Protein backbone atom coordinates (compact mmCIF):
# COMPACT_ATOMS: atom_id res chain seq x y z
CA MET A 1 212.69 45.91 43.22
CA LYS A 2 216.17 47.06 44.22
CA PHE A 3 214.53 50.02 46.14
CA LEU A 4 212.39 47.59 48.10
CA ILE A 5 215.46 45.70 49.21
CA LEU A 6 217.81 48.69 50.06
CA ILE A 7 215.00 50.71 52.20
CA PRO A 8 214.36 47.82 54.66
CA SER A 9 218.10 47.14 54.85
CA TYR A 10 218.66 50.94 55.69
CA LEU A 11 215.74 50.63 58.42
CA TRP A 12 217.35 47.48 59.89
CA LYS A 13 220.76 49.01 60.19
CA ASN A 14 219.40 52.24 61.81
CA THR A 15 217.52 50.11 64.21
CA LEU A 16 220.38 48.20 65.29
CA LYS A 17 222.35 51.56 65.86
CA ARG A 18 219.50 52.93 67.89
CA TRP A 19 219.62 49.81 70.04
CA CYS A 20 223.28 50.06 70.60
CA GLU A 21 222.92 53.76 71.57
CA ASN A 22 219.81 53.39 73.55
CA PRO A 23 219.85 49.62 74.96
CA ILE A 24 217.12 50.40 77.45
CA SER A 25 214.54 50.74 74.60
CA PRO A 26 214.86 47.05 73.28
CA PHE A 27 215.40 45.58 76.85
CA SER A 28 212.38 47.16 78.04
CA LYS A 29 210.41 45.64 74.93
CA ILE A 30 212.01 41.97 76.14
CA LEU A 31 211.45 42.52 79.77
CA ILE A 32 207.98 43.57 79.88
CA PRO A 33 206.73 40.51 77.79
CA VAL A 34 209.01 38.35 79.73
CA LEU A 35 207.18 39.62 82.97
CA LEU A 36 203.82 39.37 81.62
CA SER A 37 204.15 36.20 79.87
CA LEU A 38 205.75 34.59 83.19
CA LEU A 39 202.78 35.78 84.95
CA ALA A 40 200.32 34.41 82.36
CA THR A 41 202.11 31.05 82.27
CA LEU A 42 202.43 30.57 86.00
CA ILE A 43 198.58 31.31 86.45
CA LEU A 44 197.87 28.71 83.57
CA VAL A 45 200.23 26.16 85.27
CA PHE A 46 198.76 26.55 88.74
CA PHE A 47 195.21 26.53 87.18
CA ILE A 48 196.09 23.02 85.38
CA GLU A 49 197.88 21.68 88.49
CA THR A 50 194.86 22.53 90.69
CA GLU A 51 192.61 20.94 88.20
CA GLN A 52 194.62 17.66 87.80
CA GLN A 53 195.05 17.60 91.48
CA LEU A 54 191.29 17.49 91.85
CA ILE A 55 190.92 14.78 89.09
CA ARG A 56 193.40 12.82 91.08
CA GLN A 57 191.56 13.28 94.46
CA LEU A 58 188.28 11.96 92.72
CA GLN A 59 189.92 9.13 91.22
CA GLN A 60 191.07 7.82 94.67
CA VAL A 61 187.81 8.25 96.11
CA ASP A 62 186.32 6.33 92.99
CA SER A 63 184.15 9.31 91.96
CA TYR A 64 184.52 8.43 88.20
CA SER A 65 182.22 5.29 88.85
CA ALA A 66 178.57 4.25 88.73
CA LEU A 67 176.82 1.41 90.63
CA ILE A 68 173.61 0.07 88.87
CA SER A 69 171.85 -2.41 91.12
CA GLU A 70 168.61 -4.41 90.18
CA ARG A 71 166.53 -6.85 92.44
CA VAL A 72 165.64 -9.46 90.14
CA GLN A 73 162.70 -11.69 91.51
CA MET A 74 162.28 -14.74 89.10
CA GLN A 75 158.40 -15.04 89.80
CA SER A 76 157.87 -11.46 88.66
CA HIS A 77 160.38 -10.53 86.25
CA ARG A 78 159.64 -12.97 83.37
CA GLY A 79 162.35 -13.25 80.76
CA VAL A 80 165.02 -11.84 83.10
CA SER A 81 167.28 -14.81 83.87
CA VAL A 82 170.93 -15.30 84.59
CA ASP A 83 171.76 -16.00 81.00
CA LYS A 84 170.06 -12.68 79.89
CA THR A 85 172.36 -10.97 82.25
CA LEU A 86 175.34 -12.72 80.68
CA ALA A 87 174.26 -11.47 77.38
CA GLU A 88 173.87 -7.82 78.71
CA GLU A 89 177.34 -8.27 80.41
CA HIS A 90 178.86 -8.95 77.00
CA MET A 91 177.12 -6.08 75.51
CA TRP A 92 178.28 -3.53 78.09
CA LYS A 93 181.81 -4.81 78.18
CA SER A 94 181.90 -4.80 74.28
CA LYS A 95 180.83 -0.99 74.33
CA TYR A 96 182.82 0.20 77.42
CA GLY A 97 185.87 -2.27 77.69
CA ALA A 98 185.93 -5.48 79.73
CA ALA A 99 188.20 -3.77 82.22
CA ASN A 100 185.73 -0.99 82.92
CA ILE A 101 182.67 -2.94 83.54
CA ARG A 102 182.17 -5.35 86.74
CA TYR A 103 179.10 -7.59 87.27
CA ILE A 104 178.33 -9.10 90.75
CA ARG A 105 175.02 -11.45 91.10
CA GLN A 106 174.16 -12.26 94.63
CA PRO A 107 171.50 -14.89 95.00
CA ASN A 108 169.12 -14.22 97.82
CA ILE A 109 169.77 -17.34 99.79
CA PRO A 110 171.24 -17.80 103.40
CA VAL A 111 174.78 -19.05 103.75
CA LYS A 112 175.90 -20.33 107.08
CA TRP A 113 179.61 -21.32 108.16
CA ASN A 114 180.82 -21.51 111.67
CA GLY A 115 178.04 -20.07 113.36
CA SER A 116 177.80 -17.13 110.98
CA SER A 117 174.63 -16.56 109.01
CA ASN A 118 175.41 -13.31 107.11
CA ILE A 119 178.07 -14.42 104.61
CA PRO A 120 177.10 -12.95 101.11
CA ILE A 121 177.07 -15.28 98.06
CA ILE A 122 178.05 -14.43 94.62
CA LEU A 123 178.00 -15.97 91.13
CA TYR A 124 181.24 -15.84 88.95
CA THR A 125 181.80 -16.69 85.26
CA ALA A 126 184.35 -19.11 83.76
CA SER A 127 186.44 -16.13 82.72
CA GLU A 128 186.55 -14.96 86.23
CA TYR A 129 187.68 -18.35 87.68
CA HIS A 130 191.33 -17.83 87.22
CA SER A 131 191.12 -14.41 88.73
CA PHE A 132 190.02 -16.30 91.91
CA VAL A 133 192.23 -19.38 91.68
CA LYS A 134 195.65 -19.26 90.19
CA ASP A 135 196.35 -22.83 90.08
CA GLY A 136 192.79 -24.32 89.86
CA GLY A 137 191.88 -27.10 87.48
CA ALA A 138 189.84 -26.84 84.32
CA THR A 139 186.64 -27.40 85.94
CA PRO A 140 185.25 -24.23 88.23
CA GLU A 141 184.46 -25.35 91.97
CA ILE A 142 182.54 -23.44 94.63
CA LEU A 143 185.04 -21.11 96.57
CA PHE A 144 185.13 -19.88 99.98
CA LEU A 145 186.97 -16.58 99.48
CA ASN A 146 188.37 -14.68 102.50
CA SER A 147 190.69 -11.98 103.31
CA ILE A 148 192.63 -14.17 105.89
CA LYS A 149 195.48 -16.15 104.02
CA LEU A 150 194.88 -19.97 104.66
CA SER A 151 196.67 -22.97 103.55
CA ARG A 152 196.30 -24.28 100.03
CA LYS A 153 194.16 -27.15 99.30
CA ARG A 154 191.88 -26.37 102.38
CA TYR A 155 188.24 -26.97 102.20
CA GLU A 156 185.30 -25.69 104.50
CA THR A 157 181.88 -27.29 104.86
CA ILE A 158 179.33 -24.77 104.07
CA GLU A 159 175.51 -24.83 104.97
CA LEU A 160 174.11 -23.55 101.61
CA HIS A 161 170.30 -23.64 100.86
CA GLN A 162 169.42 -26.19 103.56
CA SER A 163 172.20 -28.39 101.92
CA ARG A 164 175.96 -28.65 103.01
CA VAL A 165 178.59 -28.12 100.32
CA SER A 166 182.40 -28.39 100.43
CA ALA A 167 184.13 -25.06 99.20
CA ARG A 168 187.59 -24.48 98.52
CA CYS A 169 189.59 -21.90 100.41
CA GLU A 170 191.05 -19.21 98.31
CA GLU A 171 192.24 -15.55 99.12
CA MET A 172 189.80 -12.83 98.29
CA PRO A 173 190.39 -10.80 95.03
CA GLU A 174 190.89 -6.99 95.48
CA PHE A 175 187.58 -6.28 93.53
CA VAL A 176 185.54 -8.44 95.74
CA GLN A 177 187.02 -6.67 98.67
CA ASP A 178 186.06 -3.37 97.45
CA HIS A 179 182.61 -4.56 97.23
CA TYR A 180 182.15 -6.53 100.33
CA LYS A 181 183.85 -5.26 103.55
CA GLY A 182 183.44 -8.75 105.13
CA SER A 183 185.96 -11.20 105.89
CA TYR A 184 184.36 -13.88 103.94
CA VAL A 185 182.36 -14.49 100.83
CA LEU A 186 181.09 -17.53 99.13
CA ALA A 187 181.49 -17.90 95.28
CA VAL A 188 179.61 -20.31 93.11
CA PRO A 189 180.12 -21.22 89.54
CA ILE A 190 177.59 -19.55 87.33
CA GLU A 191 176.98 -22.72 85.45
CA VAL A 192 175.27 -24.21 88.62
CA ALA A 193 173.41 -21.18 89.46
CA ASP A 194 169.78 -22.34 88.47
CA ARG A 195 169.54 -24.03 91.80
CA PHE A 196 170.46 -20.86 93.71
CA VAL A 197 168.53 -18.13 92.05
CA ALA A 198 165.08 -19.68 92.45
CA GLN A 199 164.30 -17.00 95.09
CA GLY A 200 165.79 -14.31 92.89
CA PHE A 201 169.11 -12.51 92.99
CA THR A 202 170.57 -8.88 93.21
CA MET A 203 172.69 -7.64 90.33
CA THR A 204 175.18 -5.07 90.71
CA ILE A 205 177.08 -3.42 87.83
CA LYS A 206 180.07 -1.37 88.65
CA GLY A 207 181.32 1.12 85.67
CA SER A 208 184.84 2.34 86.62
CA PHE A 209 186.21 5.18 84.36
CA ASP A 210 188.67 8.09 84.50
CA ASN A 211 186.64 10.82 83.00
CA PHE A 212 183.18 12.64 83.52
CA GLN A 213 182.18 12.01 79.95
CA ASP A 214 182.34 8.16 80.19
CA VAL A 215 180.55 8.27 83.60
CA GLU A 216 177.87 10.48 82.05
CA SER A 217 177.51 8.03 78.83
CA PHE A 218 177.38 5.21 80.86
CA VAL A 219 174.62 6.18 83.17
CA PHE A 220 172.57 7.43 80.41
CA ASP A 221 172.83 4.27 78.45
CA MET A 222 172.08 2.16 81.52
CA GLU A 223 168.95 4.33 82.30
CA SER A 224 167.76 4.35 78.83
CA TYR A 225 168.13 0.40 78.41
CA TYR A 226 166.62 -0.72 81.51
CA HIS A 227 163.73 1.99 81.11
CA ALA A 228 163.03 0.45 77.70
CA GLU A 229 163.23 -2.89 79.18
CA ARG A 230 160.68 -1.92 81.82
CA ARG A 231 162.97 -2.91 84.59
CA GLN A 232 163.63 -0.76 87.86
CA ILE A 233 167.15 -0.08 88.74
CA ARG A 234 169.10 1.99 91.14
CA VAL A 235 171.77 4.23 89.96
CA VAL A 236 174.28 5.41 92.65
CA SER A 237 177.04 7.72 91.08
CA ALA A 238 178.62 11.21 91.79
CA LEU A 239 177.39 12.47 88.44
CA SER A 240 175.67 15.53 89.89
CA ILE A 241 179.01 16.54 91.47
CA LEU A 242 180.99 15.90 88.47
CA GLU A 243 178.59 18.01 86.27
CA GLY A 244 179.18 20.74 88.66
CA ILE A 245 183.00 20.37 88.38
CA GLU A 246 182.92 20.26 84.73
CA ARG A 247 181.04 23.74 84.60
CA ILE A 248 183.54 24.99 87.23
CA LYS A 249 186.27 23.76 84.65
CA LYS A 250 184.56 25.55 81.62
CA ILE A 251 184.35 28.73 83.69
CA GLN A 252 188.00 28.29 84.72
CA TYR A 253 188.97 28.04 80.92
CA TYR A 254 187.24 31.37 80.19
CA VAL A 255 189.21 32.90 83.18
CA ARG A 256 192.43 31.52 81.91
CA VAL A 257 191.85 32.96 78.49
CA GLY A 258 190.77 36.41 80.10
CA VAL A 259 193.71 36.67 82.34
CA VAL A 260 196.15 35.93 79.33
CA PHE A 261 194.60 38.53 77.02
CA SER A 262 194.42 40.97 80.06
CA CYS A 263 198.33 40.62 79.91
CA GLY A 264 198.21 41.12 76.39
CA VAL A 265 196.21 44.46 76.62
CA ILE A 266 198.69 45.72 79.31
CA LEU A 267 201.23 44.76 76.91
CA ALA A 268 199.78 46.56 74.08
CA LEU A 269 199.25 49.95 76.08
CA ILE A 270 202.99 49.73 77.39
CA LEU A 271 204.51 48.73 73.96
CA GLY A 272 202.13 51.20 72.20
CA THR A 273 203.67 53.96 74.38
CA ILE A 274 207.17 53.01 73.89
CA ALA A 275 206.64 52.68 70.10
CA TRP A 276 204.96 56.10 69.87
CA LEU A 277 207.89 57.87 71.88
CA GLU A 278 210.44 56.25 69.37
CA PHE A 279 208.42 57.20 66.37
CA ARG A 280 208.29 60.67 67.57
CA HIS A 281 212.10 60.59 68.11
CA GLU A 282 212.47 59.15 64.49
CA SER A 283 209.91 61.14 63.02
CA TYR A 284 212.17 63.52 61.11
CA LEU A 285 214.01 60.59 59.69
CA MET A 286 210.62 58.88 58.91
CA ALA A 287 209.50 62.13 57.11
CA LEU A 288 212.60 62.31 54.93
CA LEU A 289 212.39 58.86 53.77
CA ARG A 290 208.66 59.36 52.87
CA SER A 291 209.64 62.59 51.21
CA PHE A 292 212.07 60.46 49.01
CA GLY A 293 209.10 58.11 47.86
CA THR A 294 209.42 55.43 50.69
CA PRO A 295 205.82 54.07 51.17
CA SER A 296 204.32 54.44 54.66
CA TRP A 297 203.23 50.73 54.57
CA ILE A 298 207.09 49.72 54.57
CA LEU A 299 207.73 51.92 57.50
CA LEU A 300 204.73 50.43 59.51
CA ILE A 301 205.52 46.79 58.58
CA HIS A 302 209.19 47.53 59.73
CA ALA A 303 208.07 48.95 63.11
CA PHE A 304 205.77 45.98 63.44
CA LEU A 305 208.43 43.42 62.82
CA GLU A 306 210.80 45.01 65.17
CA ASN A 307 208.43 44.78 68.00
CA LEU A 308 207.20 41.43 66.87
CA LEU A 309 210.90 40.18 67.09
CA LEU A 310 211.43 41.65 70.76
CA VAL A 311 208.03 40.44 72.09
CA SER A 312 208.46 36.90 70.64
CA LEU A 313 211.95 36.71 72.11
CA GLY A 314 210.53 37.95 75.68
CA ILE A 315 207.83 35.24 75.43
CA TYR A 316 210.22 32.65 74.47
CA LEU A 317 212.39 33.53 77.61
CA SER A 318 209.51 33.31 79.89
CA PHE A 319 208.83 29.74 78.65
CA ILE A 320 212.28 28.90 79.84
CA ALA A 321 212.12 30.70 83.23
CA TRP A 322 208.87 29.44 84.38
CA GLN A 323 210.00 26.18 85.40
CA PRO A 324 212.84 27.57 87.79
CA LEU A 325 210.51 30.07 89.27
CA TYR A 326 207.67 27.63 89.76
CA GLY A 327 210.02 25.23 91.71
CA VAL A 328 210.76 28.05 93.87
CA LEU A 329 206.99 28.91 94.43
CA LYS A 330 206.09 25.29 94.92
CA GLY A 331 208.00 24.89 97.90
CA ARG A 332 206.28 27.78 99.37
CA ILE A 333 202.56 26.55 98.45
CA SER A 334 201.19 23.85 100.72
CA ILE A 335 197.52 24.00 99.90
CA VAL A 336 197.71 21.49 97.19
CA ASN A 337 200.11 18.63 96.39
CA LEU A 338 201.96 20.12 93.43
CA ARG A 339 203.86 18.00 90.91
CA SER A 340 207.53 18.94 89.82
CA ALA A 341 208.05 21.36 86.91
CA SER A 342 209.42 18.49 84.94
CA ALA A 343 206.44 16.52 85.18
CA ILE A 344 203.92 19.31 83.89
CA ASP A 345 203.37 19.87 80.14
CA LEU A 346 202.13 23.11 79.35
CA PRO A 347 199.20 22.59 76.76
CA LEU A 348 199.89 23.68 73.34
CA LEU A 349 196.81 25.56 73.13
CA ASP A 350 197.77 27.68 76.18
CA THR A 351 201.24 28.36 74.58
CA TYR A 352 199.22 29.44 71.37
CA ILE A 353 197.06 31.70 73.35
CA ILE A 354 200.06 33.36 75.00
CA TYR A 355 201.59 33.94 71.72
CA GLY A 356 198.23 35.06 70.30
CA ALA A 357 197.90 37.86 73.11
CA GLY A 358 201.60 38.94 72.40
CA LEU A 359 200.66 39.18 68.73
CA LEU A 360 197.61 41.08 69.41
CA GLY A 361 199.63 43.47 71.66
CA VAL A 362 202.07 44.28 69.07
CA LEU A 363 199.00 44.99 66.58
CA VAL A 364 197.25 47.17 69.00
CA ALA A 365 200.57 49.03 69.72
CA MET A 366 200.91 49.79 65.94
CA ILE A 367 197.89 51.94 65.85
CA PRO A 368 199.37 55.20 67.08
CA ILE A 369 202.28 54.78 64.70
CA ALA A 370 199.71 54.15 61.68
CA PHE A 371 198.11 57.49 62.65
CA GLY A 372 201.31 59.30 62.82
CA LEU A 373 202.26 58.07 59.55
CA ARG A 374 199.48 59.91 58.02
CA LYS A 375 200.78 63.18 58.66
CA GLN A 376 202.32 64.77 55.75
CA PRO A 377 206.08 64.85 55.71
CA GLY A 378 206.16 68.32 54.68
CA LEU A 379 204.58 69.37 58.15
CA ILE A 380 207.19 67.37 59.91
CA LEU A 381 210.33 68.79 57.73
CA GLN A 382 209.45 72.41 57.79
């Protein structure tokens, strides 16, 4: 036991002496991993930032959403009523979240006001009432939504379905403006919808998400459900484009791993060459220790730990140095709008991949030393 302690102690003492006498050797073993790891880290960061920039652009143009529309003709679609669509709305909101699902029901009747006859009409539920009217009463009323701010408590007379109704003027909510580009929309409480849907209505369901998987699941569920109900729907989404982007992201992942492990192979070749030159320089001492009974595996483990220590230090320094270097490169790259280094978190998996590539490089570099230790000590000492 004492022998197994003294030999490693002597080897580390000799290693420190060698580092002091020839500092270029440990410096090169640190510098090379720093440069290669820095290259791999910056490549990973730029890949991540490009991907995030693409996702942000897709979200800005509402690509992570899907529109499902159905024209309901009351005479031919028996069983499809406003109440049934309310039950379906509750079902989809329970599954995907109320904030992600928006229903718009538009009766097929003309609305006239002030000489204009193309004003859309929608039905709204009791839960949506206070999103239209902030200081309204307990009883929902017919609302005349407009994108032009009008005075409070002002009412307009609207010609609706061969009758005249008084509608309260309110500012148009943002989600209605997103769906209707006009300046005016008439909103009718769904509780009095029966008199307005006799000629049918158009139902639009909008699912808004922040990732491809939810969009894919939503479209699949909608198509499956309405196919089982034998109802025809029209689906509008960027799902085919998102599927192509997902395939590119998967290919990009393998490219990132390939780049990192290529750096690991380069590290293994350079480190292996340096380690072999050092072993040849120390071969007489190694042979002498082996002739005194020192096992070859102790010498091999010591060489492995020495190189692993220096390579790990180099990788650690690269994780510190990439942010300042990224800040310099960021100002010179104007192709994409990159975030600041402080806002970027390098994924833990990518960190493990870089460390794994460094470990692989050290292991491969030990192969020539392992073959060198197989040579008989007597052939070296003679």
